[in-house]
Protein backbone atom coordinates (compact mmCIF):
# COMPACT_ATOMS: atom_id res chain seq x y z
CA UNK A 1 0.00 0.00 0.00
CA UNK A 2 1.20 3.49 -0.87
CA UNK A 3 0.41 7.02 0.26
CA UNK A 4 0.40 9.56 -2.54
CA UNK A 5 1.25 13.00 -1.17
CA UNK A 6 1.15 16.45 -2.77
CA UNK A 7 2.47 19.55 -1.01
CA UNK A 8 1.51 23.05 -2.15
CA UNK A 9 1.52 26.60 -0.80
CA UNK A 10 -1.04 29.29 -1.45
CA UNK A 11 -0.26 32.93 -2.09
CA UNK A 12 -0.64 35.07 1.07
CA UNK A 13 -3.55 36.88 -0.59
CA UNK A 14 -5.31 33.59 -1.42
CA UNK A 15 -5.58 31.82 1.92
CA UNK A 16 -9.39 31.85 1.93
CA UNK A 17 -10.27 31.70 -1.76
CA UNK A 18 -7.41 29.31 -2.53
CA UNK A 19 -8.47 26.87 0.17
CA UNK A 20 -12.03 26.92 -1.13
CA UNK A 21 -10.82 26.31 -4.70
CA UNK A 22 -8.63 23.42 -3.59
CA UNK A 23 -11.50 21.87 -1.62
CA UNK A 24 -13.67 22.05 -4.73
CA UNK A 25 -10.98 20.44 -6.90
CA UNK A 26 -10.18 17.68 -4.40
CA UNK A 27 -13.87 16.82 -3.93
CA UNK A 28 -14.26 16.55 -7.70
CA UNK A 29 -11.22 14.32 -8.33
CA UNK A 30 -12.30 11.99 -5.50
CA UNK A 31 -15.72 11.58 -7.05
CA UNK A 32 -14.45 11.19 -10.61
CA UNK A 33 -11.62 8.71 -9.96
CA UNK A 34 -12.94 6.73 -6.99
CA UNK A 35 -9.82 7.48 -4.91
CA UNK A 36 -10.49 8.99 -1.49
CA UNK A 37 -8.39 12.16 -1.49
CA UNK A 38 -7.95 14.18 1.70
CA UNK A 39 -7.04 17.87 1.93
CA UNK A 40 -4.88 19.03 4.83
CA UNK A 41 -4.01 22.42 6.31
CA UNK A 42 -0.53 22.73 7.81
CA UNK A 43 -0.63 24.10 11.36
CA UNK A 44 3.06 23.66 12.22
CA UNK A 45 6.20 22.86 10.28
CA UNK A 46 5.45 24.55 6.94
CA UNK A 47 4.91 28.07 5.59
CA UNK A 48 1.54 29.67 6.36
CA UNK A 49 -0.82 28.74 3.55
CA UNK A 50 0.64 25.27 3.04
CA UNK A 51 -1.81 22.53 2.09
CA UNK A 52 -1.41 18.81 1.56
CA UNK A 53 -3.36 16.40 -0.61
CA UNK A 54 -3.10 12.67 0.10
CA UNK A 55 -4.68 9.38 -0.92
CA UNK A 56 -4.13 5.71 -0.19
CA UNK A 57 -3.06 3.98 -3.41
CA UNK A 58 -2.93 0.23 -3.96
CA UNK A 59 -1.16 0.35 -7.33
CA UNK A 60 0.57 3.52 -8.48
CA UNK A 61 0.16 2.64 -12.17
CA UNK A 62 -3.61 2.30 -11.89
CA UNK A 63 -3.74 5.56 -9.96
CA UNK A 64 -1.82 7.51 -12.60
CA UNK A 65 -4.05 6.04 -15.33
CA UNK A 66 -7.18 7.23 -13.50
CA UNK A 67 -5.81 10.75 -13.05
CA UNK A 68 -4.62 10.86 -16.67
CA UNK A 69 -8.15 10.00 -17.84
CA UNK A 70 -9.48 12.91 -15.79
CA UNK A 71 -7.05 15.30 -17.49
CA UNK A 72 -7.94 13.91 -20.92
CA UNK A 73 -11.71 13.64 -20.60
CA UNK A 74 -13.05 15.71 -17.71
CA UNK A 75 -13.46 19.37 -18.71
CA UNK A 76 -14.90 20.28 -15.32
CA UNK A 77 -11.74 18.93 -13.66
CA UNK A 78 -9.52 20.98 -15.97
CA UNK A 79 -11.48 24.11 -15.07
CA UNK A 80 -11.08 23.42 -11.34
CA UNK A 81 -7.34 22.79 -11.75
CA UNK A 82 -6.98 26.12 -13.53
CA UNK A 83 -9.04 27.92 -10.88
CA UNK A 84 -7.05 26.50 -7.97
CA UNK A 85 -3.75 27.07 -9.77
CA UNK A 86 -4.37 30.80 -9.81
CA UNK A 87 -3.95 30.82 -6.03
CA UNK A 88 -0.69 28.84 -5.78
CA UNK A 89 2.57 30.51 -4.79
CA UNK A 90 4.63 27.83 -6.58
CA UNK A 91 4.33 24.47 -8.31
CA UNK A 92 3.28 21.55 -6.06
CA UNK A 93 5.69 18.79 -5.01
CA UNK A 94 4.58 15.13 -5.22
CA UNK A 95 5.97 12.11 -3.38
CA UNK A 96 5.05 8.44 -3.06
CA UNK A 97 5.37 6.59 0.25
CA UNK A 98 5.40 2.84 0.80
CA UNK A 99 3.66 1.97 4.07
CA UNK A 100 5.83 -0.65 5.77
CA UNK A 101 4.29 -0.81 9.26
CA UNK A 102 1.25 0.40 11.20
CA UNK A 103 0.03 -0.06 14.75
CA UNK A 104 -3.37 0.98 16.09
CA UNK A 105 -6.60 1.53 14.20
CA UNK A 106 -5.95 3.65 11.11
CA UNK A 107 -8.95 2.44 9.11
CA UNK A 108 -10.50 5.92 9.10
CA UNK A 109 -8.84 9.13 7.91
CA UNK A 110 -8.00 11.08 11.10
CA UNK A 111 -8.91 14.71 11.79
CA UNK A 112 -5.33 15.63 12.73
CA UNK A 113 -1.96 14.09 11.99
CA UNK A 114 1.58 14.76 13.10
CA UNK A 115 4.50 13.74 10.93
CA UNK A 116 8.24 13.35 11.39
CA UNK A 117 10.28 12.60 8.26
CA UNK A 118 14.02 12.32 7.82
CA UNK A 119 16.45 11.51 5.03
CA UNK A 120 19.29 9.01 5.50
CA UNK A 121 22.24 7.90 3.42
CA UNK A 122 21.36 4.75 1.41
CA UNK A 123 23.27 2.36 3.69
CA UNK A 124 21.46 3.76 6.74
CA UNK A 125 17.91 3.39 5.41
CA UNK A 126 17.25 -0.21 6.53
CA UNK A 127 18.39 0.28 10.15
CA UNK A 128 16.52 3.59 10.26
CA UNK A 129 13.28 1.91 9.14
CA UNK A 130 13.78 -0.81 11.76
CA UNK A 131 14.31 1.87 14.41
CA UNK A 132 11.15 3.68 13.27
CA UNK A 133 9.10 0.47 13.54
CA UNK A 134 10.33 -0.06 17.09
CA UNK A 135 9.55 3.57 17.98
CA UNK A 136 6.06 3.31 16.45
CA UNK A 137 5.23 0.30 18.61
CA UNK A 138 6.62 2.03 21.69
CA UNK A 139 4.85 5.39 21.29
CA UNK A 140 1.55 3.70 20.50
CA UNK A 141 1.83 1.81 23.79
CA UNK A 142 2.58 4.99 25.73
CA UNK A 143 0.49 7.67 24.05
CA UNK A 144 -2.18 5.49 22.46
CA UNK A 145 -2.28 7.24 19.10
CA UNK A 146 -2.22 5.04 15.96
CA UNK A 147 1.03 5.44 14.02
CA UNK A 148 2.44 4.27 10.70
CA UNK A 149 5.92 3.99 9.23
CA UNK A 150 6.47 4.71 5.55
CA UNK A 151 9.42 5.03 3.19
CA UNK A 152 9.86 7.19 0.09
CA UNK A 153 12.32 6.58 -2.72
CA UNK A 154 10.49 8.63 -5.34
CA UNK A 155 9.92 12.34 -4.84
CA UNK A 156 11.78 12.43 -1.53
CA UNK A 157 14.57 9.84 -1.86
CA UNK A 158 15.68 7.80 1.14
CA UNK A 159 13.16 9.41 3.49
CA UNK A 160 11.57 7.57 6.42
CA UNK A 161 8.38 8.95 7.96
CA UNK A 162 6.29 8.41 11.07
CA UNK A 163 2.66 9.57 10.92
CA UNK A 164 0.46 9.74 14.05
CA UNK A 165 -3.34 9.96 13.87
CA UNK A 166 -5.54 11.95 16.28
CA UNK A 167 -9.16 13.02 16.70
CA UNK A 168 -8.16 16.60 17.53
CA UNK A 169 -5.25 18.96 18.19
CA UNK A 170 -5.94 18.55 21.90
CA UNK A 171 -5.52 14.77 21.54
CA UNK A 172 -2.21 15.37 19.72
CA UNK A 173 -1.04 17.57 22.58
CA UNK A 174 -2.01 15.03 25.24
CA UNK A 175 -0.48 12.01 23.48
CA UNK A 176 2.81 13.69 22.58
CA UNK A 177 3.15 15.07 26.10
CA UNK A 178 2.80 11.55 27.52
CA UNK A 179 5.48 10.22 25.19
CA UNK A 180 7.95 13.04 25.92
CA UNK A 181 7.70 12.37 29.65
CA UNK A 182 8.43 8.65 29.33
CA UNK A 183 12.12 7.71 29.86
CA UNK A 184 11.98 5.20 27.01
CA UNK A 185 11.51 7.98 24.47
CA UNK A 186 14.84 9.58 25.33
CA UNK A 187 16.56 6.19 25.28
CA UNK A 188 15.30 5.52 21.77
CA UNK A 189 16.38 8.92 20.54
CA UNK A 190 19.86 8.30 21.93
CA UNK A 191 20.01 4.97 20.08
CA UNK A 192 19.88 6.79 16.73
CA UNK A 193 23.56 7.70 17.21
CA UNK A 194 24.40 4.13 16.18
CA UNK A 195 22.52 4.52 12.86
CA UNK A 196 23.76 7.84 11.54
CA UNK A 197 22.92 11.52 11.35
CA UNK A 198 19.91 12.46 9.16
CA UNK A 199 20.74 14.56 6.13
CA UNK A 200 17.41 16.36 6.52
CA UNK A 201 14.52 16.30 9.01
CA UNK A 202 10.98 17.67 8.75
CA UNK A 203 8.19 17.82 11.31
CA UNK A 204 4.59 18.92 10.82
CA UNK A 205 1.14 19.01 12.36
CA UNK A 206 -1.80 19.07 9.92
CA UNK A 207 -5.56 19.39 10.29
CA UNK A 208 -7.90 17.73 7.78
CA UNK A 209 -10.09 20.13 5.83
CA UNK A 210 -11.73 17.53 3.60
């Protein structure tokens, strides 16, 4: 199973109208392709006006074929793409993530997610994924929030990502506070010294709009 992810940023003058246009476009592509796209607003970890679009994808080839048909045949979709594009500060960035582990009930799209992603050198990817799986199991046991581990080679090469799912921002705050106070969290962070130093690290908190 894959997660398709698109990151985009609206112009400062388009925060309201641009969000509405993106909601309209995302609702349309979900209905026309059968994929359940979600639209996210970045609360922390990205420039103000940042949005994310995501969907669970079983086969990437079938997904791209469905989207290509929309561009070729769906005039309403093309109009919505043009309308939303007027509000963008820059071109979007796409990435594809292979879900390698999950713990807790993630059958429903959550209202809020937190994400930590980091890039490793190729030789350090496998031990970093193994470390992330262990951390996911641990933090789920302490904080209770469902969490998944995914890996990207395309779009964001050699990135590992943890995604936590919450009902609300308040639930995020409570769960992460519980984890930070547990001694095992610090011990696991210290263990990363044996794997290597990330080349890049990104953290974010996002609220689902659609």
